[in-house]
Every structure is written in structure tokens, then in C-alpha cells.
Amino acid sequence: MHGANHNYCTTQWSPGSRQVAAWDDAGHDDDRPGQCTEPGGSAHEAQLTEAQLTEAGQRQVGAAYIDAFFRRCPTGDKRFDAMLTGRRHPMAHIAPVDVTAGRP
């Protein structure tokens, strides 16, 4: 999920929670406000930045893919196969998602 970071996945760790030790753990470059960068990356990698998702946007995209996974795997519901294989991107209006799929 482009522009996502680890701590925004939960309401406990994200800055909006106001919990102790909650913080934005995305890499940021002062020259690119609102962009996620790889801390300590090379000059080439610094050019590969993504617009940072909001906490709500990240959770919305994450919930859609998690929901699709759990509808497919335990129940065998195939309606979400195109999403889970990357053929369809229903949340692209919020964030690009790179999907890779393989057989177990």
C-alpha cells in the first residue's frame, strides 16, 4: 500500500490515538512535506517518495483487503479473487496497492 506506515494501521499506535508513545513512524524528508521516504536511503531512493496516507485512509484500504482475504480463505468466497490477485484495484482512489499472489 503506497504511502502507508506501520503505526497508522492501528488506532492504538497512531498519533490520532493520543496514546503514550503513539507516533508517525513513516520516514520524512523536510524537503518533501506530506511524502513518505525511506530513512537513510540513497539519493536515488529519495526520489521514490509517496504521498502519505491519512490514518483513516490507510485503515480503510487495509480493512478492504483484510476483509477480502478472510472472505476468500476460510469460506472459499471467490468474489474477491480479482482484488486479491491484483487484477482489480477497488481502493485505487485512496492509494495504489501492489498485490502479489502465489499458490500455497
PDB file of N, CA and C in Angstrom:
ATOM      1  N   MET A   1       0.867  -1.152   0.000  1.00  0.00           N
ATOM      2  CA  MET A   1       0.000   0.000   0.000  1.00  0.00           C
ATOM      3  C   MET A   1       0.920   1.222   0.000  1.00  0.00           C
ATOM      4  N   HIS A   2       0.908   1.956  -1.088  1.00  0.00           N
ATOM      5  CA  HIS A   2       1.789   3.115  -1.228  1.00  0.00           C
ATOM      6  C   HIS A   2       1.391   4.222  -0.252  1.00  0.00           C
ATOM      7  N   GLY A   3       2.373   4.788   0.430  1.00  0.00           N
ATOM      8  CA  GLY A   3       2.133   5.889   1.356  1.00  0.00           C
ATOM      9  C   GLY A   3       1.714   5.465   2.746  1.00  0.00           C
ATOM     10  N   ALA A   4       1.702   4.158   3.001  1.00  0.00           N
ATOM     11  CA  ALA A   4       1.293   3.646   4.311  1.00  0.00           C
ATOM     12  C   ALA A   4       2.493   3.576   5.254  1.00  0.00           C
ATOM     13  N   ASN A   5       2.205   3.527   6.533  1.00  0.00           N
ATOM     14  CA  ASN A   5       3.253   3.269   7.510  1.00  0.00           C
ATOM     15  C   ASN A   5       2.696   2.358   8.606  1.00  0.00           C
ATOM     16  N   HIS A   6       3.571   1.759   9.330  1.00  0.00           N
ATOM     17  CA  HIS A   6       3.209   0.727  10.302  1.00  0.00           C
ATOM     18  C   HIS A   6       2.259   1.217  11.388  1.00  0.00           C
ATOM     19  N   ASN A   7       2.555   2.326  12.006  1.00  0.00           N
ATOM     20  CA  ASN A   7       1.774   2.762  13.169  1.00  0.00           C
ATOM     21  C   ASN A   7       0.367   3.245  12.834  1.00  0.00           C
ATOM     22  N   TYR A   8       0.117   3.627  11.580  1.00  0.00           N
ATOM     23  CA  TYR A   8      -1.231   4.065  11.223  1.00  0.00           C
ATOM     24  C   TYR A   8      -2.197   2.888  11.079  1.00  0.00           C
ATOM     25  N   CYS A   9      -1.699   1.683  11.119  1.00  0.00           N
ATOM     26  CA  CYS A   9      -2.571   0.510  10.963  1.00  0.00           C
ATOM     27  C   CYS A   9      -3.482   0.294  12.160  1.00  0.00           C
ATOM     28  N   THR A  10      -3.124   0.788  13.305  1.00  0.00           N
ATOM     29  CA  THR A  10      -3.948   0.585  14.489  1.00  0.00           C
ATOM     30  C   THR A  10      -4.331   1.913  15.122  1.00  0.00           C
ATOM     31  N   THR A  11      -5.428   1.925  15.798  1.00  0.00           N
ATOM     32  CA  THR A  11      -5.845   3.142  16.487  1.00  0.00           C
ATOM     33  C   THR A  11      -5.045   3.343  17.769  1.00  0.00           C
ATOM     34  N   GLN A  12      -4.322   2.343  18.208  1.00  0.00           N
ATOM     35  CA  GLN A  12      -3.545   2.429  19.443  1.00  0.00           C
ATOM     36  C   GLN A  12      -2.215   3.158  19.230  1.00  0.00           C
ATOM     37  N   TRP A  13      -1.526   2.877  18.111  1.00  0.00           N
ATOM     38  CA  TRP A  13      -0.188   3.417  17.889  1.00  0.00           C
ATOM     39  C   TRP A  13      -0.166   4.695  17.075  1.00  0.00           C
ATOM     40  N   SER A  14      -1.248   5.017  16.387  1.00  0.00           N
ATOM     41  CA  SER A  14      -1.246   6.177  15.507  1.00  0.00           C
ATOM     42  C   SER A  14      -1.368   7.469  16.316  1.00  0.00           C
ATOM     43  N   PRO A  15      -0.831   8.562  15.788  1.00  0.00           N
ATOM     44  CA  PRO A  15      -0.850   9.824  16.533  1.00  0.00           C
ATOM     45  C   PRO A  15      -2.246  10.270  16.953  1.00  0.00           C
ATOM     46  N   GLY A  16      -3.238   9.976  16.156  1.00  0.00           N
ATOM     47  CA  GLY A  16      -4.602  10.382  16.473  1.00  0.00           C
ATOM     48  C   GLY A  16      -5.154   9.743  17.736  1.00  0.00           C
ATOM     49  N   SER A  17      -4.512   8.682  18.198  1.00  0.00           N
ATOM     50  CA  SER A  17      -4.998   7.997  19.405  1.00  0.00           C
ATOM     51  C   SER A  17      -4.691   8.787  20.672  1.00  0.00           C
ATOM     52  N   ARG A  18      -3.679   9.632  20.597  1.00  0.00           N
ATOM     53  CA  ARG A  18      -3.208  10.395  21.753  1.00  0.00           C
ATOM     54  C   ARG A  18      -2.655   9.483  22.866  1.00  0.00           C
ATOM     55  N   GLN A  19      -2.327   8.252  22.527  1.00  0.00           N
ATOM     56  CA  GLN A  19      -1.754   7.316  23.494  1.00  0.00           C
ATOM     57  C   GLN A  19      -0.267   7.630  23.702  1.00  0.00           C
ATOM     58  N   VAL A  20       0.248   7.258  24.839  1.00  0.00           N
ATOM     59  CA  VAL A  20       1.671   7.416  25.112  1.00  0.00           C
ATOM     60  C   VAL A  20       2.446   6.583  24.088  1.00  0.00           C
ATOM     61  N   ALA A  21       3.483   7.144  23.515  1.00  0.00           N
ATOM     62  CA  ALA A  21       4.367   6.504  22.540  1.00  0.00           C
ATOM     63  C   ALA A  21       3.715   6.305  21.173  1.00  0.00           C
ATOM     64  N   ALA A  22       2.555   6.888  20.928  1.00  0.00           N
ATOM     65  CA  ALA A  22       1.958   6.833  19.595  1.00  0.00           C
ATOM     66  C   ALA A  22       2.653   7.884  18.732  1.00  0.00           C
ATOM     67  N   TRP A  23       3.063   7.487  17.513  1.00  0.00           N
ATOM     68  CA  TRP A  23       3.775   8.420  16.661  1.00  0.00           C
ATOM     69  C   TRP A  23       3.681   8.002  15.200  1.00  0.00           C
ATOM     70  N   ASP A  24       3.989   8.926  14.335  1.00  0.00           N
ATOM     71  CA  ASP A  24       4.024   8.683  12.895  1.00  0.00           C
ATOM     72  C   ASP A  24       5.385   8.085  12.581  1.00  0.00           C
ATOM     73  N   ASP A  25       5.435   6.797  12.264  1.00  0.00           N
ATOM     74  CA  ASP A  25       6.717   6.124  12.054  1.00  0.00           C
ATOM     75  C   ASP A  25       7.159   6.100  10.594  1.00  0.00           C
ATOM     76  N   ALA A  26       6.523   6.886   9.745  1.00  0.00           N
ATOM     77  CA  ALA A  26       6.963   6.978   8.348  1.00  0.00           C
ATOM     78  C   ALA A  26       8.230   7.809   8.267  1.00  0.00           C
ATOM     79  N   GLY A  27       9.046   7.511   7.279  1.00  0.00           N
ATOM     80  CA  GLY A  27      10.222   8.335   7.035  1.00  0.00           C
ATOM     81  C   GLY A  27       9.803   9.626   6.365  1.00  0.00           C
ATOM     82  N   HIS A  28      10.357  10.739   6.807  1.00  0.00           N
ATOM     83  CA  HIS A  28      10.005  12.034   6.230  1.00  0.00           C
ATOM     84  C   HIS A  28      11.265  12.809   5.891  1.00  0.00           C
ATOM     85  N   ASP A  29      11.193  13.535   4.815  1.00  0.00           N
ATOM     86  CA  ASP A  29      12.273  14.385   4.354  1.00  0.00           C
ATOM     87  C   ASP A  29      11.745  15.817   4.418  1.00  0.00           C
ATOM     88  N   ASP A  30      12.449  16.706   5.092  1.00  0.00           N
ATOM     89  CA  ASP A  30      11.978  18.086   5.251  1.00  0.00           C
ATOM     90  C   ASP A  30      11.732  18.781   3.912  1.00  0.00           C
ATOM     91  N   ASP A  31      12.416  18.328   2.859  1.00  0.00           N
ATOM     92  CA  ASP A  31      12.240  18.930   1.543  1.00  0.00           C
ATOM     93  C   ASP A  31      10.992  18.420   0.825  1.00  0.00           C
ATOM     94  N   ARG A  32      10.352  17.389   1.369  1.00  0.00           N
ATOM     95  CA  ARG A  32       9.162  16.800   0.744  1.00  0.00           C
ATOM     96  C   ARG A  32       8.052  16.632   1.779  1.00  0.00           C
ATOM     97  N   PRO A  33       7.462  17.718   2.255  1.00  0.00           N
ATOM     98  CA  PRO A  33       6.406  17.590   3.252  1.00  0.00           C
ATOM     99  C   PRO A  33       5.221  16.793   2.711  1.00  0.00           C
ATOM    100  N   GLY A  34       4.642  15.962   3.586  1.00  0.00           N
ATOM    101  CA  GLY A  34       3.500  15.148   3.196  1.00  0.00           C
ATOM    102  C   GLY A  34       3.849  13.923   2.391  1.00  0.00           C
ATOM    103  N   GLN A  35       5.155  13.654   2.258  1.00  0.00           N
ATOM    104  CA  GLN A  35       5.615  12.497   1.496  1.00  0.00           C
ATOM    105  C   GLN A  35       6.297  11.507   2.436  1.00  0.00           C
ATOM    106  N   CYS A  36       6.188  10.231   2.119  1.00  0.00           N
ATOM    107  CA  CYS A  36       6.909   9.191   2.870  1.00  0.00           C
ATOM    108  C   CYS A  36       8.193   8.890   2.118  1.00  0.00           C
ATOM    109  N   THR A  37       9.294   8.838   2.821  1.00  0.00           N
ATOM    110  CA  THR A  37      10.573   8.486   2.215  1.00  0.00           C
ATOM    111  C   THR A  37      11.217   7.396   3.048  1.00  0.00           C
ATOM    112  N   GLU A  38      12.185   6.754   2.477  1.00  0.00           N
ATOM    113  CA  GLU A  38      12.912   5.697   3.173  1.00  0.00           C
ATOM    114  C   GLU A  38      14.056   6.338   3.943  1.00  0.00           C
ATOM    115  N   PRO A  39      14.028   6.277   5.294  1.00  0.00           N
ATOM    116  CA  PRO A  39      15.109   6.901   6.055  1.00  0.00           C
ATOM    117  C   PRO A  39      16.452   6.241   5.745  1.00  0.00           C
ATOM    118  N   GLY A  40      17.463   7.059   5.548  1.00  0.00           N
ATOM    119  CA  GLY A  40      18.806   6.540   5.299  1.00  0.00           C
ATOM    120  C   GLY A  40      18.978   5.972   3.913  1.00  0.00           C
ATOM    121  N   GLY A  41      18.015   6.203   3.028  1.00  0.00           N
ATOM    122  CA  GLY A  41      18.103   5.662   1.674  1.00  0.00           C
ATOM    123  C   GLY A  41      19.090   6.440   0.828  1.00  0.00           C
ATOM    124  N   SER A  42      19.385   5.885  -0.340  1.00  0.00           N
ATOM    125  CA  SER A  42      20.306   6.538  -1.260  1.00  0.00           C
ATOM    126  C   SER A  42      19.625   7.736  -1.923  1.00  0.00           C
ATOM    127  N   ALA A  43      20.399   8.528  -2.637  1.00  0.00           N
ATOM    128  CA  ALA A  43      19.834   9.684  -3.337  1.00  0.00           C
ATOM    129  C   ALA A  43      18.780   9.219  -4.339  1.00  0.00           C
ATOM    130  N   HIS A  44      19.017   8.082  -4.999  1.00  0.00           N
ATOM    131  CA  HIS A  44      18.039   7.537  -5.942  1.00  0.00           C
ATOM    132  C   HIS A  44      16.750   7.170  -5.211  1.00  0.00           C
ATOM    133  N   GLU A  45      16.867   6.505  -4.070  1.00  0.00           N
ATOM    134  CA  GLU A  45      15.691   6.101  -3.307  1.00  0.00           C
ATOM    135  C   GLU A  45      14.923   7.314  -2.793  1.00  0.00           C
ATOM    136  N   ALA A  46      15.618   8.405  -2.528  1.00  0.00           N
ATOM    137  CA  ALA A  46      14.945   9.602  -2.032  1.00  0.00           C
ATOM    138  C   ALA A  46      13.967  10.153  -3.065  1.00  0.00           C
ATOM    139  N   GLN A  47      14.204   9.845  -4.344  1.00  0.00           N
ATOM    140  CA  GLN A  47      13.288  10.288  -5.392  1.00  0.00           C
ATOM    141  C   GLN A  47      12.015   9.432  -5.417  1.00  0.00           C
ATOM    142  N   LEU A  48      12.052   8.280  -4.815  1.00  0.00           N
ATOM    143  CA  LEU A  48      10.914   7.360  -4.824  1.00  0.00           C
ATOM    144  C   LEU A  48      10.045   7.598  -3.600  1.00  0.00           C
ATOM    145  N   THR A  49       9.391   8.728  -3.566  1.00  0.00           N
ATOM    146  CA  THR A  49       8.554   9.074  -2.424  1.00  0.00           C
ATOM    147  C   THR A  49       7.088   8.865  -2.773  1.00  0.00           C
ATOM    148  N   GLU A  50       6.302   8.703  -1.759  1.00  0.00           N
ATOM    149  CA  GLU A  50       4.863   8.521  -1.926  1.00  0.00           C
ATOM    150  C   GLU A  50       4.141   9.525  -1.045  1.00  0.00           C
ATOM    151  N   ALA A  51       2.999   9.994  -1.504  1.00  0.00           N
ATOM    152  CA  ALA A  51       2.167  10.843  -0.656  1.00  0.00           C
ATOM    153  C   ALA A  51       1.715  10.003   0.531  1.00  0.00           C
ATOM    154  N   GLN A  52       1.843  10.543   1.716  1.00  0.00           N
ATOM    155  CA  GLN A  52       1.479   9.800   2.919  1.00  0.00           C
ATOM    156  C   GLN A  52      -0.035   9.720   3.055  1.00  0.00           C
ATOM    157  N   LEU A  53      -0.520   8.530   3.349  1.00  0.00           N
ATOM    158  CA  LEU A  53      -1.944   8.329   3.581  1.00  0.00           C
ATOM    159  C   LEU A  53      -2.341   8.890   4.940  1.00  0.00           C
ATOM    160  N   THR A  54      -3.581   9.263   5.061  1.00  0.00           N
ATOM    161  CA  THR A  54      -4.104   9.644   6.365  1.00  0.00           C
ATOM    162  C   THR A  54      -4.326   8.366   7.180  1.00  0.00           C
ATOM    163  N   GLU A  55      -4.486   8.522   8.469  1.00  0.00           N
ATOM    164  CA  GLU A  55      -4.773   7.359   9.314  1.00  0.00           C
ATOM    165  C   GLU A  55      -6.047   6.676   8.845  1.00  0.00           C
ATOM    166  N   ALA A  56      -7.086   7.452   8.610  1.00  0.00           N
ATOM    167  CA  ALA A  56      -8.379   6.875   8.198  1.00  0.00           C
ATOM    168  C   ALA A  56      -8.280   6.215   6.828  1.00  0.00           C
ATOM    169  N   GLY A  57      -7.596   6.850   5.886  1.00  0.00           N
ATOM    170  CA  GLY A  57      -7.439   6.272   4.553  1.00  0.00           C
ATOM    171  C   GLY A  57      -6.694   4.960   4.578  1.00  0.00           C
ATOM    172  N   GLN A  58      -5.621   4.912   5.359  1.00  0.00           N
ATOM    173  CA  GLN A  58      -4.835   3.680   5.454  1.00  0.00           C
ATOM    174  C   GLN A  58      -5.671   2.562   6.054  1.00  0.00           C
ATOM    175  N   ARG A  59      -6.431   2.868   7.079  1.00  0.00           N
ATOM    176  CA  ARG A  59      -7.259   1.828   7.703  1.00  0.00           C
ATOM    177  C   ARG A  59      -8.372   1.365   6.772  1.00  0.00           C
ATOM    178  N   GLN A  60      -8.905   2.277   5.981  1.00  0.00           N
ATOM    179  CA  GLN A  60      -9.976   1.911   5.047  1.00  0.00           C
ATOM    180  C   GLN A  60      -9.450   0.939   3.984  1.00  0.00           C
ATOM    181  N   VAL A  61      -8.288   1.232   3.406  1.00  0.00           N
ATOM    182  CA  VAL A  61      -7.705   0.342   2.402  1.00  0.00           C
ATOM    183  C   VAL A  61      -7.322  -0.989   3.050  1.00  0.00           C
ATOM    184  N   GLY A  62      -6.685  -0.925   4.209  1.00  0.00           N
ATOM    185  CA  GLY A  62      -6.304  -2.152   4.905  1.00  0.00           C
ATOM    186  C   GLY A  62      -7.501  -3.024   5.231  1.00  0.00           C
ATOM    187  N   ALA A  63      -8.567  -2.421   5.718  1.00  0.00           N
ATOM    188  CA  ALA A  63      -9.769  -3.184   6.078  1.00  0.00           C
ATOM    189  C   ALA A  63     -10.370  -3.856   4.850  1.00  0.00           C
ATOM    190  N   ALA A  64     -10.351  -3.183   3.705  1.00  0.00           N
ATOM    191  CA  ALA A  64     -10.913  -3.772   2.486  1.00  0.00           C
ATOM    192  C   ALA A  64     -10.152  -5.031   2.081  1.00  0.00           C
ATOM    193  N   TYR A  65      -8.813  -4.972   2.116  1.00  0.00           N
ATOM    194  CA  TYR A  65      -8.015  -6.127   1.717  1.00  0.00           C
ATOM    195  C   TYR A  65      -8.067  -7.236   2.770  1.00  0.00           C
ATOM    196  N   ILE A  66      -8.085  -6.868   4.024  1.00  0.00           N
ATOM    197  CA  ILE A  66      -8.199  -7.885   5.086  1.00  0.00           C
ATOM    198  C   ILE A  66      -9.553  -8.573   5.002  1.00  0.00           C
ATOM    199  N   ASP A  67     -10.609  -7.807   4.785  1.00  0.00           N
ATOM    200  CA  ASP A  67     -11.944  -8.370   4.644  1.00  0.00           C
ATOM    201  C   ASP A  67     -11.997  -9.332   3.457  1.00  0.00           C
ATOM    202  N   ALA A  68     -11.421  -8.919   2.332  1.00  0.00           N
ATOM    203  CA  ALA A  68     -11.411  -9.777   1.146  1.00  0.00           C
ATOM    204  C   ALA A  68     -10.669 -11.080   1.426  1.00  0.00           C
ATOM    205  N   PHE A  69      -9.537 -10.991   2.103  1.00  0.00           N
ATOM    206  CA  PHE A  69      -8.752 -12.183   2.427  1.00  0.00           C
ATOM    207  C   PHE A  69      -9.560 -13.156   3.287  1.00  0.00           C
ATOM    208  N   PHE A  70     -10.185 -12.634   4.334  1.00  0.00           N
ATOM    209  CA  PHE A  70     -10.910 -13.530   5.232  1.00  0.00           C
ATOM    210  C   PHE A  70     -12.229 -14.026   4.639  1.00  0.00           C
ATOM    211  N   ARG A  71     -12.763 -13.351   3.666  1.00  0.00           N
ATOM    212  CA  ARG A  71     -13.934 -13.893   2.978  1.00  0.00           C
ATOM    213  C   ARG A  71     -13.508 -15.010   2.034  1.00  0.00           C
ATOM    214  N   ARG A  72     -12.328 -14.871   1.449  1.00  0.00           N
ATOM    215  CA  ARG A  72     -11.838 -15.878   0.498  1.00  0.00           C
ATOM    216  C   ARG A  72     -11.295 -17.119   1.181  1.00  0.00           C
ATOM    217  N   CYS A  73     -10.393 -16.922   2.117  1.00  0.00           N
ATOM    218  CA  CYS A  73      -9.670 -18.073   2.676  1.00  0.00           C
ATOM    219  C   CYS A  73     -10.530 -19.013   3.518  1.00  0.00           C
ATOM    220  N   PRO A  74     -11.177 -18.568   4.563  1.00  0.00           N
ATOM    221  CA  PRO A  74     -11.945 -19.531   5.354  1.00  0.00           C
ATOM    222  C   PRO A  74     -13.223 -20.015   4.662  1.00  0.00           C
ATOM    223  N   THR A  75     -13.847 -19.151   3.848  1.00  0.00           N
ATOM    224  CA  THR A  75     -15.150 -19.516   3.301  1.00  0.00           C
ATOM    225  C   THR A  75     -15.107 -19.957   1.847  1.00  0.00           C
ATOM    226  N   GLY A  76     -14.030 -19.647   1.141  1.00  0.00           N
ATOM    227  CA  GLY A  76     -13.942 -20.008  -0.273  1.00  0.00           C
ATOM    228  C   GLY A  76     -14.702 -19.069  -1.193  1.00  0.00           C
ATOM    229  N   ASP A  77     -15.146 -17.925  -0.687  1.00  0.00           N
ATOM    230  CA  ASP A  77     -15.883 -16.942  -1.481  1.00  0.00           C
ATOM    231  C   ASP A  77     -14.951 -16.366  -2.546  1.00  0.00           C
ATOM    232  N   LYS A  78     -15.241 -16.633  -3.805  1.00  0.00           N
ATOM    233  CA  LYS A  78     -14.354 -16.232  -4.901  1.00  0.00           C
ATOM    234  C   LYS A  78     -14.652 -14.844  -5.464  1.00  0.00           C
ATOM    235  N   ARG A  79     -15.620 -14.137  -4.904  1.00  0.00           N
ATOM    236  CA  ARG A  79     -15.963 -12.811  -5.415  1.00  0.00           C
ATOM    237  C   ARG A  79     -14.812 -11.816  -5.300  1.00  0.00           C
ATOM    238  N   PHE A  80     -13.852 -12.066  -4.431  1.00  0.00           N
ATOM    239  CA  PHE A  80     -12.762 -11.119  -4.193  1.00  0.00           C
ATOM    240  C   PHE A  80     -11.438 -11.549  -4.828  1.00  0.00           C
ATOM    241  N   ASP A  81     -11.479 -12.603  -5.639  1.00  0.00           N
ATOM    242  CA  ASP A  81     -10.245 -13.098  -6.249  1.00  0.00           C
ATOM    243  C   ASP A  81      -9.534 -12.043  -7.092  1.00  0.00           C
ATOM    244  N   ALA A  82     -10.278 -11.258  -7.860  1.00  0.00           N
ATOM    245  CA  ALA A  82      -9.642 -10.236  -8.710  1.00  0.00           C
ATOM    246  C   ALA A  82      -8.900  -9.203  -7.863  1.00  0.00           C
ATOM    247  N   MET A  83      -9.438  -8.882  -6.719  1.00  0.00           N
ATOM    248  CA  MET A  83      -8.789  -7.936  -5.809  1.00  0.00           C
ATOM    249  C   MET A  83      -7.547  -8.565  -5.178  1.00  0.00           C
ATOM    250  N   LEU A  84      -7.666  -9.814  -4.767  1.00  0.00           N
ATOM    251  CA  LEU A  84      -6.563 -10.479  -4.073  1.00  0.00           C
ATOM    252  C   LEU A  84      -5.433 -10.913  -5.001  1.00  0.00           C
ATOM    253  N   THR A  85      -5.682 -10.951  -6.306  1.00  0.00           N
ATOM    254  CA  THR A  85      -4.621 -11.275  -7.258  1.00  0.00           C
ATOM    255  C   THR A  85      -4.061 -10.028  -7.934  1.00  0.00           C
ATOM    256  N   GLY A  86      -4.658  -8.868  -7.667  1.00  0.00           N
ATOM    257  CA  GLY A  86      -4.169  -7.631  -8.247  1.00  0.00           C
ATOM    258  C   GLY A  86      -4.774  -7.295  -9.600  1.00  0.00           C
ATOM    259  N   ARG A  87      -5.745  -8.076 -10.076  1.00  0.00           N
ATOM    260  CA  ARG A  87      -6.399  -7.760 -11.352  1.00  0.00           C
ATOM    261  C   ARG A  87      -7.366  -6.591 -11.203  1.00  0.00           C
ATOM    262  N   ARG A  88      -7.867  -6.365 -10.007  1.00  0.00           N
ATOM    263  CA  ARG A  88      -8.811  -5.276  -9.744  1.00  0.00           C
ATOM    264  C   ARG A  88      -8.311  -4.483  -8.538  1.00  0.00           C
ATOM    265  N   HIS A  89      -8.433  -3.175  -8.585  1.00  0.00           N
ATOM    266  CA  HIS A  89      -7.945  -2.306  -7.512  1.00  0.00           C
ATOM    267  C   HIS A  89      -9.060  -1.373  -7.042  1.00  0.00           C
ATOM    268  N   PRO A  90      -9.991  -1.876  -6.252  1.00  0.00           N
ATOM    269  CA  PRO A  90     -11.145  -1.070  -5.862  1.00  0.00           C
ATOM    270  C   PRO A  90     -10.821   0.101  -4.936  1.00  0.00           C
ATOM    271  N   MET A  91      -9.667   0.110  -4.324  1.00  0.00           N
ATOM    272  CA  MET A  91      -9.312   1.195  -3.411  1.00  0.00           C
ATOM    273  C   MET A  91      -8.288   2.149  -4.033  1.00  0.00           C
ATOM    274  N   ALA A  92      -8.094   2.073  -5.339  1.00  0.00           N
ATOM    275  CA  ALA A  92      -7.087   2.898  -6.015  1.00  0.00           C
ATOM    276  C   ALA A  92      -7.356   4.392  -5.857  1.00  0.00           C
ATOM    277  N   HIS A  93      -8.593   4.782  -5.606  1.00  0.00           N
ATOM    278  CA  HIS A  93      -8.890   6.205  -5.411  1.00  0.00           C
ATOM    279  C   HIS A  93      -8.296   6.731  -4.101  1.00  0.00           C
ATOM    280  N   ILE A  94      -7.919   5.812  -3.196  1.00  0.00           N
ATOM    281  CA  ILE A  94      -7.286   6.217  -1.937  1.00  0.00           C
ATOM    282  C   ILE A  94      -5.775   6.006  -2.008  1.00  0.00           C
ATOM    283  N   ALA A  95      -5.362   4.826  -2.489  1.00  0.00           N
ATOM    284  CA  ALA A  95      -3.935   4.520  -2.556  1.00  0.00           C
ATOM    285  C   ALA A  95      -3.669   3.391  -3.531  1.00  0.00           C
ATOM    286  N   PRO A  96      -2.561   3.459  -4.266  1.00  0.00           N
ATOM    287  CA  PRO A  96      -2.159   2.316  -5.074  1.00  0.00           C
ATOM    288  C   PRO A  96      -1.739   1.171  -4.152  1.00  0.00           C
ATOM    289  N   VAL A  97      -2.103  -0.035  -4.528  1.00  0.00           N
ATOM    290  CA  VAL A  97      -1.727  -1.225  -3.756  1.00  0.00           C
ATOM    291  C   VAL A  97      -1.067  -2.200  -4.713  1.00  0.00           C
ATOM    292  N   ASP A  98       0.145  -2.627  -4.388  1.00  0.00           N
ATOM    293  CA  ASP A  98       0.825  -3.659  -5.174  1.00  0.00           C
ATOM    294  C   ASP A  98       0.470  -5.001  -4.578  1.00  0.00           C
ATOM    295  N   VAL A  99      -0.117  -5.861  -5.390  1.00  0.00           N
ATOM    296  CA  VAL A  99      -0.562  -7.173  -4.912  1.00  0.00           C
ATOM    297  C   VAL A  99       0.254  -8.244  -5.612  1.00  0.00           C
ATOM    298  N   THR A 100       0.787  -9.149  -4.815  1.00  0.00           N
ATOM    299  CA  THR A 100       1.427 -10.331  -5.369  1.00  0.00           C
ATOM    300  C   THR A 100       0.700 -11.536  -4.795  1.00  0.00           C
ATOM    301  N   ALA A 101       0.535 -12.518  -5.611  1.00  0.00           N
ATOM    302  CA  ALA A 101      -0.191 -13.710  -5.167  1.00  0.00           C
ATOM    303  C   ALA A 101       0.564 -14.940  -5.613  1.00  0.00           C
ATOM    304  N   GLY A 102       0.497 -15.955  -4.819  1.00  0.00           N
ATOM    305  CA  GLY A 102       1.116 -17.229  -5.151  1.00  0.00           C
ATOM    306  C   GLY A 102       0.295 -18.359  -4.587  1.00  0.00           C
ATOM    307  N   ARG A 103       0.504 -19.502  -5.114  1.00  0.00           N
ATOM    308  CA  ARG A 103      -0.211 -20.672  -4.615  1.00  0.00           C
ATOM    309  C   ARG A 103       0.468 -21.171  -3.347  1.00  0.00           C
ATOM    310  N   PRO A 104      -0.348 -21.575  -2.370  1.00  0.00           N
ATOM    311  CA  PRO A 104       0.229 -22.096  -1.120  1.00  0.00           C
ATOM    312  C   PRO A 104       0.946 -23.412  -1.344  1.00  0.00           C
TER     313      PRO A 104
END
